[in-house]
């Protein structure tokens, strides 16, 4: 009986870890490609991509184009920094 419990627990933990890691990696790939396009013409690209990825992970969307179009994603549009400025590029 003890021989069956250990493999069953291992199998359950593996399935649970794949279930939890799967969607986030898919979201990161989605956000990475969308943010690269959004920040293609940014003056400080690494900062643009950093904040775009943060906003994309939280809002699950990125407006089209390199500037404007924030009406397409209200969550992205409404995010503010601690100073009250728009957080998302």
N, C-alpha and C. Protein backbone atom coordinates (compact mmCIF):
# COMPACT_ATOMS: atom_id res chain seq x y z
N UNK A 1 0.82 -1.19 0.00
CA UNK A 1 0.00 0.00 0.00
C UNK A 1 0.86 1.26 0.00
N UNK A 2 1.93 1.26 0.83
CA UNK A 2 2.83 2.41 0.89
C UNK A 2 3.51 2.65 -0.45
N UNK A 3 3.74 1.59 -1.20
CA UNK A 3 4.39 1.72 -2.49
C UNK A 3 3.52 2.46 -3.50
N UNK A 4 2.23 2.43 -3.36
CA UNK A 4 1.32 3.11 -4.27
C UNK A 4 1.08 4.57 -3.89
N UNK A 5 1.23 4.90 -2.63
CA UNK A 5 0.96 6.26 -2.15
C UNK A 5 2.01 7.25 -2.67
N UNK A 6 3.27 6.90 -2.59
CA UNK A 6 4.34 7.81 -3.00
C UNK A 6 4.25 8.16 -4.49
N UNK A 7 4.13 7.20 -5.40
CA UNK A 7 4.00 7.56 -6.82
C UNK A 7 2.72 8.36 -7.11
N UNK A 8 1.65 8.05 -6.39
CA UNK A 8 0.40 8.78 -6.60
C UNK A 8 0.56 10.24 -6.18
N UNK A 9 1.23 10.48 -5.06
CA UNK A 9 1.48 11.86 -4.62
C UNK A 9 2.40 12.59 -5.58
N UNK A 10 3.40 11.92 -6.08
CA UNK A 10 4.31 12.52 -7.04
C UNK A 10 3.57 12.90 -8.32
N UNK A 11 2.75 12.02 -8.80
CA UNK A 11 1.98 12.28 -10.01
C UNK A 11 1.02 13.45 -9.80
N UNK A 12 0.35 13.50 -8.67
CA UNK A 12 -0.57 14.60 -8.37
C UNK A 12 0.17 15.93 -8.30
N UNK A 13 1.34 15.94 -7.66
CA UNK A 13 2.10 17.19 -7.54
C UNK A 13 2.60 17.65 -8.91
N UNK A 14 3.00 16.73 -9.77
CA UNK A 14 3.43 17.11 -11.12
C UNK A 14 2.28 17.69 -11.93
N UNK A 15 1.14 17.05 -11.86
CA UNK A 15 -0.02 17.55 -12.60
C UNK A 15 -0.44 18.92 -12.10
N UNK A 16 -0.41 19.11 -10.80
CA UNK A 16 -0.78 20.41 -10.23
C UNK A 16 0.21 21.49 -10.64
N UNK A 17 1.50 21.18 -10.63
CA UNK A 17 2.50 22.19 -11.02
C UNK A 17 2.36 22.56 -12.49
N UNK A 18 2.09 21.60 -13.36
CA UNK A 18 1.88 21.91 -14.78
C UNK A 18 0.62 22.74 -14.97
N UNK A 19 -0.40 22.46 -14.21
CA UNK A 19 -1.65 23.21 -14.32
C UNK A 19 -1.45 24.66 -13.89
N UNK A 20 -0.63 24.87 -12.88
CA UNK A 20 -0.40 26.23 -12.39
C UNK A 20 0.59 27.00 -13.26
N UNK A 21 1.57 26.34 -13.81
CA UNK A 21 2.59 27.01 -14.61
C UNK A 21 2.18 27.21 -16.07
N UNK A 22 1.33 26.38 -16.58
CA UNK A 22 0.95 26.44 -17.99
C UNK A 22 0.38 27.77 -18.44
N UNK A 23 -0.70 28.26 -17.83
CA UNK A 23 -1.30 29.50 -18.30
C UNK A 23 -0.39 30.71 -18.16
N UNK A 24 0.42 30.80 -17.11
CA UNK A 24 1.27 31.96 -16.94
C UNK A 24 2.35 32.02 -18.01
N UNK A 25 2.89 30.87 -18.41
CA UNK A 25 3.90 30.90 -19.46
C UNK A 25 3.27 31.27 -20.80
N UNK A 26 2.05 30.84 -21.03
CA UNK A 26 1.36 31.23 -22.25
C UNK A 26 1.06 32.72 -22.24
N UNK A 27 0.67 33.24 -21.09
CA UNK A 27 0.40 34.67 -20.97
C UNK A 27 1.68 35.46 -21.17
N UNK A 28 2.81 34.99 -20.62
CA UNK A 28 4.07 35.70 -20.78
C UNK A 28 4.48 35.75 -22.24
N UNK A 29 4.28 34.67 -22.97
CA UNK A 29 4.62 34.67 -24.39
C UNK A 29 3.73 35.66 -25.13
N UNK A 30 2.45 35.68 -24.80
CA UNK A 30 1.52 36.61 -25.41
C UNK A 30 1.95 38.04 -25.10
N UNK A 31 2.23 38.31 -23.83
CA UNK A 31 2.60 39.66 -23.43
C UNK A 31 3.94 40.08 -24.04
N UNK A 32 4.87 39.15 -24.08
CA UNK A 32 6.18 39.48 -24.65
C UNK A 32 6.09 39.94 -26.08
N UNK A 33 5.35 39.21 -26.90
CA UNK A 33 5.25 39.59 -28.31
C UNK A 33 4.43 40.87 -28.49
N UNK A 34 3.35 41.01 -27.72
CA UNK A 34 2.52 42.22 -27.82
C UNK A 34 3.30 43.45 -27.36
N UNK A 35 4.06 43.32 -26.27
CA UNK A 35 4.81 44.45 -25.74
C UNK A 35 6.00 44.83 -26.63
N UNK A 36 6.59 43.85 -27.29
CA UNK A 36 7.66 44.19 -28.23
C UNK A 36 7.11 45.06 -29.35
N UNK A 37 5.93 44.72 -29.84
CA UNK A 37 5.30 45.54 -30.87
C UNK A 37 4.90 46.91 -30.35
N UNK A 38 4.35 46.95 -29.14
CA UNK A 38 3.91 48.21 -28.54
C UNK A 38 5.09 49.14 -28.29
N UNK A 39 6.23 48.60 -27.91
CA UNK A 39 7.39 49.41 -27.54
C UNK A 39 8.42 49.54 -28.67
N UNK A 40 8.06 49.15 -29.87
CA UNK A 40 9.02 49.13 -30.98
C UNK A 40 9.65 50.50 -31.25
N UNK A 41 8.92 51.57 -31.01
CA UNK A 41 9.44 52.91 -31.30
C UNK A 41 9.74 53.71 -30.04
N UNK A 42 9.83 53.04 -28.90
CA UNK A 42 10.08 53.73 -27.63
C UNK A 42 11.51 54.22 -27.54
N UNK A 43 11.69 55.35 -26.87
CA UNK A 43 13.03 55.90 -26.67
C UNK A 43 13.83 55.05 -25.69
N UNK A 44 13.19 54.60 -24.63
CA UNK A 44 13.83 53.75 -23.63
C UNK A 44 13.09 52.41 -23.65
N UNK A 45 13.53 51.53 -24.54
CA UNK A 45 12.78 50.31 -24.83
C UNK A 45 12.70 49.37 -23.62
N UNK A 46 13.78 49.20 -22.87
CA UNK A 46 13.74 48.25 -21.76
C UNK A 46 12.73 48.68 -20.69
N UNK A 47 12.62 49.97 -20.43
CA UNK A 47 11.64 50.45 -19.45
C UNK A 47 10.22 50.28 -19.99
N UNK A 48 10.04 50.58 -21.27
CA UNK A 48 8.73 50.43 -21.90
C UNK A 48 8.27 48.97 -21.83
N UNK A 49 9.15 48.06 -22.18
CA UNK A 49 8.79 46.63 -22.16
C UNK A 49 8.51 46.17 -20.73
N UNK A 50 9.29 46.65 -19.75
CA UNK A 50 9.08 46.27 -18.36
C UNK A 50 7.67 46.66 -17.90
N UNK A 51 7.28 47.92 -18.11
CA UNK A 51 5.97 48.37 -17.64
C UNK A 51 4.84 47.81 -18.49
N UNK A 52 5.08 47.62 -19.76
CA UNK A 52 4.07 47.01 -20.62
C UNK A 52 3.78 45.58 -20.16
N UNK A 53 4.82 44.83 -19.84
CA UNK A 53 4.64 43.45 -19.37
C UNK A 53 3.89 43.41 -18.04
N UNK A 54 4.20 44.34 -17.14
CA UNK A 54 3.48 44.40 -15.86
C UNK A 54 2.00 44.64 -16.11
N UNK A 55 1.70 45.62 -16.96
CA UNK A 55 0.31 45.96 -17.25
C UNK A 55 -0.40 44.82 -17.99
N UNK A 56 0.30 44.18 -18.91
CA UNK A 56 -0.29 43.09 -19.68
C UNK A 56 -0.63 41.91 -18.78
N UNK A 57 0.27 41.57 -17.86
CA UNK A 57 0.01 40.45 -16.94
C UNK A 57 -1.22 40.73 -16.09
N UNK A 58 -1.39 41.98 -15.65
CA UNK A 58 -2.52 42.32 -14.80
C UNK A 58 -3.82 42.46 -15.60
N UNK A 59 -3.72 43.07 -16.79
CA UNK A 59 -4.92 43.38 -17.57
C UNK A 59 -5.25 42.33 -18.63
N UNK A 60 -4.26 41.53 -18.99
CA UNK A 60 -4.42 40.49 -20.02
C UNK A 60 -4.78 41.08 -21.39
N UNK A 61 -4.29 42.28 -21.64
CA UNK A 61 -4.45 42.87 -22.98
C UNK A 61 -3.43 43.99 -23.15
N UNK A 62 -3.12 44.28 -24.41
CA UNK A 62 -2.24 45.38 -24.79
C UNK A 62 -2.88 46.07 -25.98
N UNK A 63 -3.00 47.40 -25.95
CA UNK A 63 -3.59 48.11 -27.09
C UNK A 63 -2.73 47.92 -28.34
N UNK A 64 -3.36 47.99 -29.49
CA UNK A 64 -2.64 47.84 -30.75
C UNK A 64 -1.83 49.10 -31.07
N UNK A 65 -0.84 48.94 -31.91
CA UNK A 65 -0.03 50.07 -32.33
C UNK A 65 1.05 50.41 -31.33
N UNK A 66 1.83 51.44 -31.67
CA UNK A 66 2.94 51.83 -30.81
C UNK A 66 2.58 53.00 -29.90
N UNK A 67 1.43 53.63 -30.11
CA UNK A 67 1.02 54.77 -29.29
C UNK A 67 -0.50 54.92 -29.36
N UNK A 68 -1.09 55.36 -28.27
CA UNK A 68 -2.53 55.59 -28.26
C UNK A 68 -3.33 54.29 -28.24
N UNK A 69 -4.54 54.35 -28.74
CA UNK A 69 -5.47 53.21 -28.81
C UNK A 69 -5.76 52.58 -27.46
N UNK A 70 -5.56 53.32 -26.37
CA UNK A 70 -5.79 52.75 -25.04
C UNK A 70 -7.26 52.49 -24.76
N UNK A 71 -8.15 53.03 -25.58
CA UNK A 71 -9.58 52.75 -25.43
C UNK A 71 -9.88 51.27 -25.67
N UNK A 72 -8.98 50.56 -26.35
CA UNK A 72 -9.17 49.13 -26.61
C UNK A 72 -9.02 48.29 -25.33
N UNK A 73 -8.35 48.84 -24.33
CA UNK A 73 -8.08 48.09 -23.10
C UNK A 73 -8.23 49.03 -21.90
N UNK A 74 -9.44 49.16 -21.36
CA UNK A 74 -9.67 50.10 -20.26
C UNK A 74 -8.79 49.86 -19.03
N UNK A 75 -8.54 48.62 -18.68
CA UNK A 75 -7.68 48.32 -17.53
C UNK A 75 -6.29 48.90 -17.75
N UNK A 76 -5.75 48.68 -18.93
CA UNK A 76 -4.44 49.18 -19.31
C UNK A 76 -4.44 50.71 -19.26
N UNK A 77 -5.51 51.30 -19.75
CA UNK A 77 -5.64 52.77 -19.80
C UNK A 77 -5.70 53.37 -18.39
N UNK A 78 -6.38 52.71 -17.46
CA UNK A 78 -6.66 53.28 -16.16
C UNK A 78 -5.58 53.02 -15.10
N UNK A 79 -4.58 52.21 -15.39
CA UNK A 79 -3.50 51.97 -14.43
C UNK A 79 -2.71 53.26 -14.23
N UNK A 80 -2.43 53.59 -12.97
CA UNK A 80 -1.70 54.82 -12.65
C UNK A 80 -0.50 54.50 -11.76
N UNK A 81 0.56 55.29 -11.90
CA UNK A 81 1.73 55.16 -11.03
C UNK A 81 1.42 55.81 -9.70
N UNK A 82 2.34 55.72 -8.76
CA UNK A 82 2.14 56.34 -7.45
C UNK A 82 2.06 57.86 -7.55
N UNK A 83 2.60 58.43 -8.62
CA UNK A 83 2.56 59.88 -8.84
C UNK A 83 1.33 60.32 -9.62
N UNK A 84 0.45 59.37 -9.97
CA UNK A 84 -0.78 59.71 -10.68
C UNK A 84 -0.66 59.75 -12.19
N UNK A 85 0.50 59.42 -12.70
CA UNK A 85 0.72 59.40 -14.15
C UNK A 85 0.28 58.04 -14.71
N UNK A 86 0.01 57.97 -16.01
CA UNK A 86 -0.30 56.66 -16.60
C UNK A 86 0.88 55.70 -16.42
N UNK A 87 0.58 54.51 -15.96
CA UNK A 87 1.63 53.52 -15.70
C UNK A 87 2.01 52.76 -16.97
N UNK A 88 1.02 52.51 -17.81
CA UNK A 88 1.25 51.65 -18.95
C UNK A 88 1.58 52.46 -20.21
N UNK A 89 2.61 52.04 -20.93
CA UNK A 89 3.02 52.78 -22.14
C UNK A 89 2.04 52.62 -23.29
